[in-house]
C-alpha cells in the first residue's frame, strides 16, 4: 500500500513506523523529494496551478498561494536523517526528479 502524505517531522515518521510494527509483514519506506533546480521548480509550479484548488483563481494569485503553502511546509519540515528510528529508518531521497537517488536500508523490490 502507498500512503501519500506529508510526513514532515521525525516524530510523525516515528509514529508511522511504530504503528506499522503492529501489523504483520508491513514495512515502511519513506520517499523524500528534494528539488532545488529552478527550471524543474517552475515546471512543477505550472503543473500545480492546473489543480482543482486553483481552477477559478488568477494565475498570479494561485502562484502566490502555492508558494505560501511551500513556505509553510519548509518552516516545519525536518529532512529524513540516517539516525531516525535507531538508525533503522528506510528511505529513498530523490534529488531533482531523479537526477540523483539515495537509499537507506532498502532491500528487495518494491
PDB file of N, CA and C in Angstrom:
ATOM      1  N   UNK A   1       0.843  -1.183   0.000  1.00  0.00           N
ATOM      2  CA  UNK A   1       0.000   0.000   0.000  1.00  0.00           C
ATOM      3  C   UNK A   1       0.885   1.242   0.000  1.00  0.00           C
ATOM      4  N   UNK A   2       0.378   2.317  -0.500  1.00  0.00           N
ATOM      5  CA  UNK A   2       1.102   3.587  -0.518  1.00  0.00           C
ATOM      6  C   UNK A   2       0.303   4.607   0.273  1.00  0.00           C
ATOM      7  N   UNK A   3       0.959   5.237   1.224  1.00  0.00           N
ATOM      8  CA  UNK A   3       0.362   6.330   1.988  1.00  0.00           C
ATOM      9  C   UNK A   3       0.985   7.606   1.457  1.00  0.00           C
ATOM     10  N   UNK A   4       0.204   8.358   0.726  1.00  0.00           N
ATOM     11  CA  UNK A   4       0.695   9.618   0.161  1.00  0.00           C
ATOM     12  C   UNK A   4       0.366  10.715   1.158  1.00  0.00           C
ATOM     13  N   UNK A   5       1.378  11.149   1.882  1.00  0.00           N
ATOM     14  CA  UNK A   5       1.152  12.149   2.912  1.00  0.00           C
ATOM     15  C   UNK A   5       2.420  12.959   3.119  1.00  0.00           C
ATOM     16  N   UNK A   6       2.252  14.063   3.742  1.00  0.00           N
ATOM     17  CA  UNK A   6       3.394  14.908   4.067  1.00  0.00           C
ATOM     18  C   UNK A   6       3.780  14.616   5.511  1.00  0.00           C
ATOM     19  N   UNK A   7       4.742  13.752   5.659  1.00  0.00           N
ATOM     20  CA  UNK A   7       5.220  13.367   6.993  1.00  0.00           C
ATOM     21  C   UNK A   7       6.431  14.223   7.322  1.00  0.00           C
ATOM     22  N   UNK A   8       6.134  15.427   7.775  1.00  0.00           N
ATOM     23  CA  UNK A   8       7.124  16.494   7.829  1.00  0.00           C
ATOM     24  C   UNK A   8       8.068  16.458   9.023  1.00  0.00           C
ATOM     25  N   UNK A   9       7.747  15.665  10.030  1.00  0.00           N
ATOM     26  CA  UNK A   9       8.606  15.686  11.217  1.00  0.00           C
ATOM     27  C   UNK A   9       9.112  14.292  11.563  1.00  0.00           C
ATOM     28  N   UNK A  10      10.199  14.261  12.284  1.00  0.00           N
ATOM     29  CA  UNK A  10      10.769  12.989  12.733  1.00  0.00           C
ATOM     30  C   UNK A  10       9.778  12.260  13.633  1.00  0.00           C
ATOM     31  N   UNK A  11       9.092  13.004  14.474  1.00  0.00           N
ATOM     32  CA  UNK A  11       8.119  12.405  15.386  1.00  0.00           C
ATOM     33  C   UNK A  11       6.978  11.738  14.618  1.00  0.00           C
ATOM     34  N   UNK A  12       6.500  12.378  13.582  1.00  0.00           N
ATOM     35  CA  UNK A  12       5.421  11.804  12.756  1.00  0.00           C
ATOM     36  C   UNK A  12       5.897  10.518  12.077  1.00  0.00           C
ATOM     37  N   UNK A  13       7.101  10.533  11.534  1.00  0.00           N
ATOM     38  CA  UNK A  13       7.633   9.330  10.884  1.00  0.00           C
ATOM     39  C   UNK A  13       7.809   8.201  11.901  1.00  0.00           C
ATOM     40  N   UNK A  14       8.278   8.542  13.092  1.00  0.00           N
ATOM     41  CA  UNK A  14       8.441   7.541  14.147  1.00  0.00           C
ATOM     42  C   UNK A  14       7.092   6.908  14.501  1.00  0.00           C
ATOM     43  N   UNK A  15       6.055   7.726  14.611  1.00  0.00           N
ATOM     44  CA  UNK A  15       4.723   7.230  14.926  1.00  0.00           C
ATOM     45  C   UNK A  15       4.245   6.243  13.849  1.00  0.00           C
ATOM     46  N   UNK A  16       4.481   6.573  12.579  1.00  0.00           N
ATOM     47  CA  UNK A  16       4.053   5.694  11.493  1.00  0.00           C
ATOM     48  C   UNK A  16       4.798   4.357  11.520  1.00  0.00           C
ATOM     49  N   UNK A  17       6.095   4.401  11.787  1.00  0.00           N
ATOM     50  CA  UNK A  17       6.880   3.167  11.851  1.00  0.00           C
ATOM     51  C   UNK A  17       6.403   2.312  13.024  1.00  0.00           C
ATOM     52  N   UNK A  18       6.159   2.924  14.169  1.00  0.00           N
ATOM     53  CA  UNK A  18       5.676   2.175  15.329  1.00  0.00           C
ATOM     54  C   UNK A  18       4.321   1.545  15.043  1.00  0.00           C
ATOM     55  N   UNK A  19       3.461   2.261  14.370  1.00  0.00           N
ATOM     56  CA  UNK A  19       2.142   1.711  14.010  1.00  0.00           C
ATOM     57  C   UNK A  19       2.290   0.547  13.033  1.00  0.00           C
ATOM     58  N   UNK A  20       3.186   0.676  12.071  1.00  0.00           N
ATOM     59  CA  UNK A  20       3.397  -0.392  11.093  1.00  0.00           C
ATOM     60  C   UNK A  20       3.933  -1.660  11.761  1.00  0.00           C
ATOM     61  N   UNK A  21       4.712  -1.499  12.801  1.00  0.00           N
ATOM     62  CA  UNK A  21       5.263  -2.661  13.516  1.00  0.00           C
ATOM     63  C   UNK A  21       4.166  -3.506  14.154  1.00  0.00           C
ATOM     64  N   UNK A  22       3.012  -2.910  14.399  1.00  0.00           N
ATOM     65  CA  UNK A  22       1.888  -3.643  14.982  1.00  0.00           C
ATOM     66  C   UNK A  22       1.248  -4.597  13.972  1.00  0.00           C
ATOM     67  N   UNK A  23       1.502  -4.375  12.700  1.00  0.00           N
ATOM     68  CA  UNK A  23       0.926  -5.206  11.637  1.00  0.00           C
ATOM     69  C   UNK A  23       1.948  -6.238  11.185  1.00  0.00           C
ATOM     70  N   UNK A  24       1.473  -7.359  10.730  1.00  0.00           N
ATOM     71  CA  UNK A  24       2.371  -8.386  10.211  1.00  0.00           C
ATOM     72  C   UNK A  24       2.787  -8.044   8.792  1.00  0.00           C
ATOM     73  N   UNK A  25       4.026  -8.294   8.483  1.00  0.00           N
ATOM     74  CA  UNK A  25       4.546  -8.153   7.119  1.00  0.00           C
ATOM     75  C   UNK A  25       4.366  -6.743   6.561  1.00  0.00           C
ATOM     76  N   UNK A  26       4.514  -5.764   7.407  1.00  0.00           N
ATOM     77  CA  UNK A  26       4.376  -4.372   6.973  1.00  0.00           C
ATOM     78  C   UNK A  26       5.700  -3.653   7.158  1.00  0.00           C
ATOM     79  N   UNK A  27       6.125  -2.991   6.101  1.00  0.00           N
ATOM     80  CA  UNK A  27       7.378  -2.261   6.130  1.00  0.00           C
ATOM     81  C   UNK A  27       7.118  -0.881   5.527  1.00  0.00           C
ATOM     82  N   UNK A  28       7.714   0.117   6.109  1.00  0.00           N
ATOM     83  CA  UNK A  28       7.552   1.475   5.589  1.00  0.00           C
ATOM     84  C   UNK A  28       8.854   1.935   4.957  1.00  0.00           C
ATOM     85  N   UNK A  29       8.732   2.515   3.778  1.00  0.00           N
ATOM     86  CA  UNK A  29       9.844   3.177   3.107  1.00  0.00           C
ATOM     87  C   UNK A  29       9.382   4.605   2.847  1.00  0.00           C
ATOM     88  N   UNK A  30      10.081   5.570   3.394  1.00  0.00           N
ATOM     89  CA  UNK A  30       9.745   6.971   3.163  1.00  0.00           C
ATOM     90  C   UNK A  30      10.417   7.439   1.874  1.00  0.00           C
ATOM     91  N   UNK A  31       9.725   8.258   1.136  1.00  0.00           N
ATOM     92  CA  UNK A  31      10.284   8.836  -0.084  1.00  0.00           C
ATOM     93  C   UNK A  31      10.296  10.344   0.081  1.00  0.00           C
ATOM     94  N   UNK A  32      11.489  10.900   0.000  1.00  0.00           N
ATOM     95  CA  UNK A  32      11.655  12.345   0.147  1.00  0.00           C
ATOM     96  C   UNK A  32      12.099  12.909  -1.208  1.00  0.00           C
ATOM     97  N   UNK A  33      11.360  13.857  -1.700  1.00  0.00           N
ATOM     98  CA  UNK A  33      11.698  14.504  -2.970  1.00  0.00           C
ATOM     99  C   UNK A  33      12.285  15.877  -2.671  1.00  0.00           C
ATOM    100  N   UNK A  34      13.514  16.078  -3.140  1.00  0.00           N
ATOM    101  CA  UNK A  34      14.222  17.326  -2.890  1.00  0.00           C
ATOM    102  C   UNK A  34      14.515  17.973  -4.234  1.00  0.00           C
ATOM    103  N   UNK A  35      14.100  19.206  -4.401  1.00  0.00           N
ATOM    104  CA  UNK A  35      14.315  19.876  -5.678  1.00  0.00           C
ATOM    105  C   UNK A  35      14.814  21.298  -5.431  1.00  0.00           C
ATOM    106  N   UNK A  36      15.960  21.603  -6.050  1.00  0.00           N
ATOM    107  CA  UNK A  36      16.483  22.963  -5.971  1.00  0.00           C
ATOM    108  C   UNK A  36      16.841  23.509  -7.353  1.00  0.00           C
ATOM    109  N   UNK A  37      16.403  22.807  -8.383  1.00  0.00           N
ATOM    110  CA  UNK A  37      16.643  23.237  -9.757  1.00  0.00           C
ATOM    111  C   UNK A  37      15.525  24.203 -10.166  1.00  0.00           C
ATOM    112  N   UNK A  38      15.839  25.468 -10.415  1.00  0.00           N
ATOM    113  CA  UNK A  38      14.802  26.458 -10.740  1.00  0.00           C
ATOM    114  C   UNK A  38      13.929  26.079 -11.936  1.00  0.00           C
ATOM    115  N   UNK A  39      14.508  25.457 -12.931  1.00  0.00           N
ATOM    116  CA  UNK A  39      13.734  25.066 -14.115  1.00  0.00           C
ATOM    117  C   UNK A  39      12.701  23.989 -13.767  1.00  0.00           C
ATOM    118  N   UNK A  40      13.120  22.993 -13.008  1.00  0.00           N
ATOM    119  CA  UNK A  40      12.200  21.937 -12.589  1.00  0.00           C
ATOM    120  C   UNK A  40      11.124  22.504 -11.669  1.00  0.00           C
ATOM    121  N   UNK A  41      11.527  23.384 -10.755  1.00  0.00           N
ATOM    122  CA  UNK A  41      10.545  24.006  -9.852  1.00  0.00           C
ATOM    123  C   UNK A  41       9.487  24.775 -10.646  1.00  0.00           C
ATOM    124  N   UNK A  42       9.909  25.526 -11.639  1.00  0.00           N
ATOM    125  CA  UNK A  42       8.963  26.300 -12.442  1.00  0.00           C
ATOM    126  C   UNK A  42       7.993  25.369 -13.179  1.00  0.00           C
ATOM    127  N   UNK A  43       8.502  24.265 -13.705  1.00  0.00           N
ATOM    128  CA  UNK A  43       7.623  23.289 -14.371  1.00  0.00           C
ATOM    129  C   UNK A  43       6.613  22.719 -13.380  1.00  0.00           C
ATOM    130  N   UNK A  44       7.072  22.465 -12.155  1.00  0.00           N
ATOM    131  CA  UNK A  44       6.187  21.948 -11.122  1.00  0.00           C
ATOM    132  C   UNK A  44       5.099  22.969 -10.780  1.00  0.00           C
ATOM    133  N   UNK A  45       5.494  24.223 -10.648  1.00  0.00           N
ATOM    134  CA  UNK A  45       4.506  25.271 -10.345  1.00  0.00           C
ATOM    135  C   UNK A  45       3.455  25.327 -11.444  1.00  0.00           C
ATOM    136  N   UNK A  46       3.885  25.278 -12.666  1.00  0.00           N
ATOM    137  CA  UNK A  46       2.949  25.335 -13.801  1.00  0.00           C
ATOM    138  C   UNK A  46       1.947  24.190 -13.730  1.00  0.00           C
ATOM    139  N   UNK A  47       2.425  22.991 -13.411  1.00  0.00           N
ATOM    140  CA  UNK A  47       1.530  21.837 -13.289  1.00  0.00           C
ATOM    141  C   UNK A  47       0.582  21.997 -12.111  1.00  0.00           C
ATOM    142  N   UNK A  48       1.105  22.424 -10.973  1.00  0.00           N
ATOM    143  CA  UNK A  48       0.281  22.556  -9.769  1.00  0.00           C
ATOM    144  C   UNK A  48      -0.835  23.579  -9.952  1.00  0.00           C
ATOM    145  N   UNK A  49      -0.587  24.606 -10.731  1.00  0.00           N
ATOM    146  CA  UNK A  49      -1.603  25.644 -10.923  1.00  0.00           C
ATOM    147  C   UNK A  49      -2.782  25.150 -11.759  1.00  0.00           C
ATOM    148  N   UNK A  50      -2.670  23.946 -12.304  1.00  0.00           N
ATOM    149  CA  UNK A  50      -3.785  23.339 -13.038  1.00  0.00           C
ATOM    150  C   UNK A  50      -4.674  22.501 -12.126  1.00  0.00           C
ATOM    151  N   UNK A  51      -4.279  22.343 -10.851  1.00  0.00           N
ATOM    152  CA  UNK A  51      -5.055  21.557  -9.887  1.00  0.00           C
ATOM    153  C   UNK A  51      -6.400  22.215  -9.588  1.00  0.00           C
ATOM    154  N   UNK A  52      -7.307  21.420  -9.064  1.00  0.00           N
ATOM    155  CA  UNK A  52      -8.643  21.900  -8.712  1.00  0.00           C
ATOM    156  C   UNK A  52      -8.607  23.096  -7.768  1.00  0.00           C
ATOM    157  N   UNK A  53      -7.613  23.132  -6.886  1.00  0.00           N
ATOM    158  CA  UNK A  53      -7.519  24.222  -5.915  1.00  0.00           C
ATOM    159  C   UNK A  53      -7.451  25.592  -6.587  1.00  0.00           C
ATOM    160  N   UNK A  54      -6.965  25.624  -7.827  1.00  0.00           N
ATOM    161  CA  UNK A  54      -6.681  26.901  -8.472  1.00  0.00           C
ATOM    162  C   UNK A  54      -7.503  27.160  -9.737  1.00  0.00           C
ATOM    163  N   UNK A  55      -8.520  26.361  -9.981  1.00  0.00           N
ATOM    164  CA  UNK A  55      -9.315  26.484 -11.205  1.00  0.00           C
ATOM    165  C   UNK A  55      -9.883  27.882 -11.399  1.00  0.00           C
ATOM    166  N   UNK A  56     -10.408  28.466 -10.366  1.00  0.00           N
ATOM    167  CA  UNK A  56     -11.076  29.771 -10.501  1.00  0.00           C
ATOM    168  C   UNK A  56     -10.237  30.937  -9.979  1.00  0.00           C
ATOM    169  N   UNK A  57      -8.926  30.748  -9.908  1.00  0.00           N
ATOM    170  CA  UNK A  57      -8.059  31.819  -9.417  1.00  0.00           C
ATOM    171  C   UNK A  57      -7.198  32.359 -10.550  1.00  0.00           C
ATOM    172  N   UNK A  58      -6.874  33.632 -10.451  1.00  0.00           N
ATOM    173  CA  UNK A  58      -5.938  34.235 -11.397  1.00  0.00           C
ATOM    174  C   UNK A  58      -4.572  33.579 -11.196  1.00  0.00           C
ATOM    175  N   UNK A  59      -3.805  33.470 -12.275  1.00  0.00           N
ATOM    176  CA  UNK A  59      -2.523  32.758 -12.206  1.00  0.00           C
ATOM    177  C   UNK A  59      -1.575  33.348 -11.165  1.00  0.00           C
ATOM    178  N   UNK A  60      -1.474  34.659 -11.103  1.00  0.00           N
ATOM    179  CA  UNK A  60      -0.557  35.272 -10.133  1.00  0.00           C
ATOM    180  C   UNK A  60      -1.015  35.027  -8.702  1.00  0.00           C
ATOM    181  N   UNK A  61      -2.320  35.043  -8.486  1.00  0.00           N
ATOM    182  CA  UNK A  61      -2.872  34.779  -7.151  1.00  0.00           C
ATOM    183  C   UNK A  61      -2.655  33.303  -6.779  1.00  0.00           C
ATOM    184  N   UNK A  62      -2.857  32.410  -7.731  1.00  0.00           N
ATOM    185  CA  UNK A  62      -2.666  30.984  -7.490  1.00  0.00           C
ATOM    186  C   UNK A  62      -1.205  30.682  -7.182  1.00  0.00           C
ATOM    187  N   UNK A  63      -0.303  31.273  -7.939  1.00  0.00           N
ATOM    188  CA  UNK A  63       1.128  31.050  -7.720  1.00  0.00           C
ATOM    189  C   UNK A  63       1.545  31.559  -6.342  1.00  0.00           C
ATOM    190  N   UNK A  64       1.046  32.702  -5.966  1.00  0.00           N
ATOM    191  CA  UNK A  64       1.353  33.264  -4.647  1.00  0.00           C
ATOM    192  C   UNK A  64       0.873  32.308  -3.545  1.00  0.00           C
ATOM    193  N   UNK A  65      -0.352  31.793  -3.692  1.00  0.00           N
ATOM    194  CA  UNK A  65      -0.904  30.870  -2.713  1.00  0.00           C
ATOM    195  C   UNK A  65      -0.070  29.591  -2.630  1.00  0.00           C
ATOM    196  N   UNK A  66       0.288  29.052  -3.785  1.00  0.00           N
ATOM    197  CA  UNK A  66       1.066  27.812  -3.807  1.00  0.00           C
ATOM    198  C   UNK A  66       2.428  28.007  -3.149  1.00  0.00           C
ATOM    199  N   UNK A  67       3.087  29.118  -3.438  1.00  0.00           N
ATOM    200  CA  UNK A  67       4.395  29.383  -2.834  1.00  0.00           C
ATOM    201  C   UNK A  67       4.277  29.594  -1.327  1.00  0.00           C
ATOM    202  N   UNK A  68       3.166  30.148  -0.875  1.00  0.00           N
ATOM    203  CA  UNK A  68       2.934  30.301   0.568  1.00  0.00           C
ATOM    204  C   UNK A  68       2.779  28.928   1.225  1.00  0.00           C
ATOM    205  N   UNK A  69       2.106  28.005   0.530  1.00  0.00           N
ATOM    206  CA  UNK A  69       1.981  26.635   1.046  1.00  0.00           C
ATOM    207  C   UNK A  69       3.359  25.992   1.186  1.00  0.00           C
ATOM    208  N   UNK A  70       4.179  26.165   0.160  1.00  0.00           N
ATOM    209  CA  UNK A  70       5.533  25.606   0.199  1.00  0.00           C
ATOM    210  C   UNK A  70       6.309  26.186   1.371  1.00  0.00           C
ATOM    211  N   UNK A  71       6.239  27.495   1.545  1.00  0.00           N
ATOM    212  CA  UNK A  71       6.956  28.147   2.653  1.00  0.00           C
ATOM    213  C   UNK A  71       6.483  27.632   4.009  1.00  0.00           C
ATOM    214  N   UNK A  72       5.186  27.382   4.133  1.00  0.00           N
ATOM    215  CA  UNK A  72       4.656  26.861   5.397  1.00  0.00           C
ATOM    216  C   UNK A  72       5.246  25.484   5.700  1.00  0.00           C
ATOM    217  N   UNK A  73       5.338  24.625   4.684  1.00  0.00           N
ATOM    218  CA  UNK A  73       5.953  23.311   4.880  1.00  0.00           C
ATOM    219  C   UNK A  73       7.438  23.434   5.193  1.00  0.00           C
ATOM    220  N   UNK A  74       8.124  24.319   4.501  1.00  0.00           N
ATOM    221  CA  UNK A  74       9.565  24.477   4.722  1.00  0.00           C
ATOM    222  C   UNK A  74       9.876  24.911   6.151  1.00  0.00           C
ATOM    223  N   UNK A  75       8.990  25.675   6.757  1.00  0.00           N
ATOM    224  CA  UNK A  75       9.225  26.150   8.115  1.00  0.00           C
ATOM    225  C   UNK A  75       9.210  25.027   9.144  1.00  0.00           C
ATOM    226  N   UNK A  76       8.433  23.982   8.892  1.00  0.00           N
ATOM    227  CA  UNK A  76       8.307  22.904   9.876  1.00  0.00           C
ATOM    228  C   UNK A  76       8.972  21.604   9.443  1.00  0.00           C
ATOM    229  N   UNK A  77       9.373  21.509   8.186  1.00  0.00           N
ATOM    230  CA  UNK A  77       9.904  20.256   7.657  1.00  0.00           C
ATOM    231  C   UNK A  77      11.241  19.882   8.281  1.00  0.00           C
ATOM    232  N   UNK A  78      11.371  18.611   8.608  1.00  0.00           N
ATOM    233  CA  UNK A  78      12.620  18.051   9.100  1.00  0.00           C
ATOM    234  C   UNK A  78      13.046  16.974   8.106  1.00  0.00           C
ATOM    235  N   UNK A  79      14.172  17.182   7.459  1.00  0.00           N
ATOM    236  CA  UNK A  79      14.634  16.213   6.474  1.00  0.00           C
ATOM    237  C   UNK A  79      14.886  14.859   7.124  1.00  0.00           C
ATOM    238  N   UNK A  80      14.726  13.809   6.356  1.00  0.00           N
ATOM    239  CA  UNK A  80      14.964  12.463   6.860  1.00  0.00           C
ATOM    240  C   UNK A  80      16.464  12.287   7.104  1.00  0.00           C
ATOM    241  N   UNK A  81      16.797  11.720   8.274  1.00  0.00           N
ATOM    242  CA  UNK A  81      18.190  11.504   8.638  1.00  0.00           C
ATOM    243  C   UNK A  81      18.427  10.037   8.971  1.00  0.00           C
ATOM    244  N   UNK A  82      19.640   9.597   8.749  1.00  0.00           N
ATOM    245  CA  UNK A  82      20.011   8.200   8.992  1.00  0.00           C
ATOM    246  C   UNK A  82      19.749   7.758  10.424  1.00  0.00           C
ATOM    247  N   UNK A  83      19.879   8.664  11.386  1.00  0.00           N
ATOM    248  CA  UNK A  83      19.775   8.305  12.799  1.00  0.00           C
ATOM    249  C   UNK A  83      18.340   8.048  13.271  1.00  0.00           C
ATOM    250  N   UNK A  84      17.359   8.335  12.443  1.00  0.00           N
ATOM    251  CA  UNK A  84      15.971   8.137  12.870  1.00  0.00           C
ATOM    252  C   UNK A  84      15.664   6.656  13.079  1.00  0.00           C
ATOM    253  N   UNK A  85      14.732   6.406  13.959  1.00  0.00           N
ATOM    254  CA  UNK A  85      14.274   5.046  14.290  1.00  0.00           C
ATOM    255  C   UNK A  85      15.486   4.164  14.654  1.00  0.00           C
ATOM    256  N   UNK A  86      16.357   4.692  15.482  1.00  0.00           N
ATOM    257  CA  UNK A  86      17.571   3.971  15.912  1.00  0.00           C
ATOM    258  C   UNK A  86      18.387   3.462  14.727  1.00  0.00           C
ATOM    259  N   UNK A  87      18.538   4.320  13.735  1.00  0.00           N
ATOM    260  CA  UNK A  87      19.303   4.032  12.518  1.00  0.00           C
ATOM    261  C   UNK A  87      18.654   2.957  11.645  1.00  0.00           C
ATOM    262  N   UNK A  88      17.393   2.627  11.909  1.00  0.00           N
ATOM    263  CA  UNK A  88      16.714   1.585  11.128  1.00  0.00           C
ATOM    264  C   UNK A  88      15.751   2.169  10.094  1.00  0.00           C
ATOM    265  N   UNK A  89      15.694   3.470   9.966  1.00  0.00           N
ATOM    266  CA  UNK A  89      14.769   4.089   9.024  1.00  0.00           C
ATOM    267  C   UNK A  89      15.089   3.649   7.595  1.00  0.00           C
ATOM    268  N   UNK A  90      14.041   3.415   6.815  1.00  0.00           N
ATOM    269  CA  UNK A  90      14.193   3.076   5.403  1.00  0.00           C
ATOM    270  C   UNK A  90      13.712   4.278   4.600  1.00  0.00           C
ATOM    271  N   UNK A  91      14.529   4.675   3.651  1.00  0.00           N
ATOM    272  CA  UNK A  91      14.092   5.803   2.833  1.00  0.00           C
ATOM    273  C   UNK A  91      14.741   5.810   1.462  1.00  0.00           C
ATOM    274  N   UNK A  92      14.127   6.583   0.604  1.00  0.00           N
ATOM    275  CA  UNK A  92      14.683   6.940  -0.695  1.00  0.00           C
ATOM    276  C   UNK A  92      14.607   8.457  -0.781  1.00  0.00           C
ATOM    277  N   UNK A  93      15.696   9.073  -1.195  1.00  0.00           N
ATOM    278  CA  UNK A  93      15.689  10.513  -1.436  1.00  0.00           C
ATOM    279  C   UNK A  93      15.906  10.718  -2.925  1.00  0.00           C
ATOM    280  N   UNK A  94      14.977  11.421  -3.536  1.00  0.00           N
ATOM    281  CA  UNK A  94      15.058  11.726  -4.961  1.00  0.00           C
ATOM    282  C   UNK A  94      15.438  13.189  -5.101  1.00  0.00           C
ATOM    283  N   UNK A  95      16.549  13.455  -5.750  1.00  0.00           N
ATOM    284  CA  UNK A  95      17.010  14.823  -5.955  1.00  0.00           C
ATOM    285  C   UNK A  95      16.710  15.253  -7.384  1.00  0.00           C
ATOM    286  N   UNK A  96      16.047  16.389  -7.505  1.00  0.00           N
ATOM    287  CA  UNK A  96      15.733  16.972  -8.817  1.00  0.00           C
ATOM    288  C   UNK A  96      15.148  15.942  -9.778  1.00  0.00           C
ATOM    289  N   UNK A  97      14.076  15.327  -9.323  1.00  0.00           N
ATOM    290  CA  UNK A  97      13.276  14.392 -10.128  1.00  0.00           C
ATOM    291  C   UNK A  97      14.129  13.241 -10.685  1.00  0.00           C
ATOM    292  N   UNK A  98      14.985  12.689  -9.849  1.00  0.00           N
ATOM    293  CA  UNK A  98      15.731  11.507 -10.231  1.00  0.00           C
ATOM    294  C   UNK A  98      17.131  11.740 -10.761  1.00  0.00           C
ATOM    295  N   UNK A  99      17.604  12.995 -10.781  1.00  0.00           N
ATOM    296  CA  UNK A  99      18.987  13.223 -11.202  1.00  0.00           C
ATOM    297  C   UNK A  99      19.950  12.464 -10.280  1.00  0.00           C
ATOM    298  N   UNK A 100      19.522  12.322  -9.028  1.00  0.00           N
ATOM    299  CA  UNK A 100      20.307  11.585  -8.041  1.00  0.00           C
ATOM    300  C   UNK A 100      19.318  10.888  -7.117  1.00  0.00           C
ATOM    301  N   UNK A 101      19.620   9.636  -6.753  1.00  0.00           N
ATOM    302  CA  UNK A 101      18.764   8.872  -5.848  1.00  0.00           C
ATOM    303  C   UNK A 101      19.644   8.284  -4.750  1.00  0.00           C
ATOM    304  N   UNK A 102      19.222   8.474  -3.504  1.00  0.00           N
ATOM    305  CA  UNK A 102      19.937   7.937  -2.350  1.00  0.00           C
ATOM    306  C   UNK A 102      18.958   7.037  -1.603  1.00  0.00           C
ATOM    307  N   UNK A 103      19.433   5.846  -1.224  1.00  0.00           N
ATOM    308  CA  UNK A 103      18.570   4.948  -0.456  1.00  0.00           C
ATOM    309  C   UNK A 103      19.271   4.540   0.834  1.00  0.00           C
ATOM    310  N   UNK A 104      18.461   4.135   1.793  1.00  0.00           N
ATOM    311  CA  UNK A 104      18.996   3.619   3.056  1.00  0.00           C
ATOM    312  C   UNK A 104      18.110   2.461   3.509  1.00  0.00           C
ATOM    313  N   UNK A 105      18.749   1.352   3.828  1.00  0.00           N
ATOM    314  CA  UNK A 105      18.058   0.163   4.351  1.00  0.00           C
ATOM    315  C   UNK A 105      16.954  -0.347   3.421  1.00  0.00           C
ATOM    316  N   UNK A 106      17.115  -0.166   2.138  1.00  0.00           N
ATOM    317  CA  UNK A 106      16.143  -0.658   1.156  1.00  0.00           C
ATOM    318  C   UNK A 106      16.719  -1.914   0.504  1.00  0.00           C
ATOM    319  N   UNK A 107      16.005  -3.009   0.676  1.00  0.00           N
ATOM    320  CA  UNK A 107      16.441  -4.283   0.109  1.00  0.00           C
ATOM    321  C   UNK A 107      15.261  -4.946  -0.589  1.00  0.00           C
ATOM    322  N   UNK A 108      15.549  -5.787  -1.534  1.00  0.00           N
ATOM    323  CA  UNK A 108      14.480  -6.471  -2.235  1.00  0.00           C
ATOM    324  C   UNK A 108      13.897  -5.617  -3.322  1.00  0.00           C
ATOM    325  N   UNK A 109      12.598  -5.655  -3.481  1.00  0.00           N
ATOM    326  CA  UNK A 109      11.937  -4.911  -4.534  1.00  0.00           C
ATOM    327  C   UNK A 109      10.695  -4.212  -3.982  1.00  0.00           C
ATOM    328  N   UNK A 110      10.226  -3.231  -4.726  1.00  0.00           N
ATOM    329  CA  UNK A 110       9.014  -2.514  -4.324  1.00  0.00           C
ATOM    330  C   UNK A 110       7.831  -3.059  -5.093  1.00  0.00           C
TER     331      UNK A 110
END
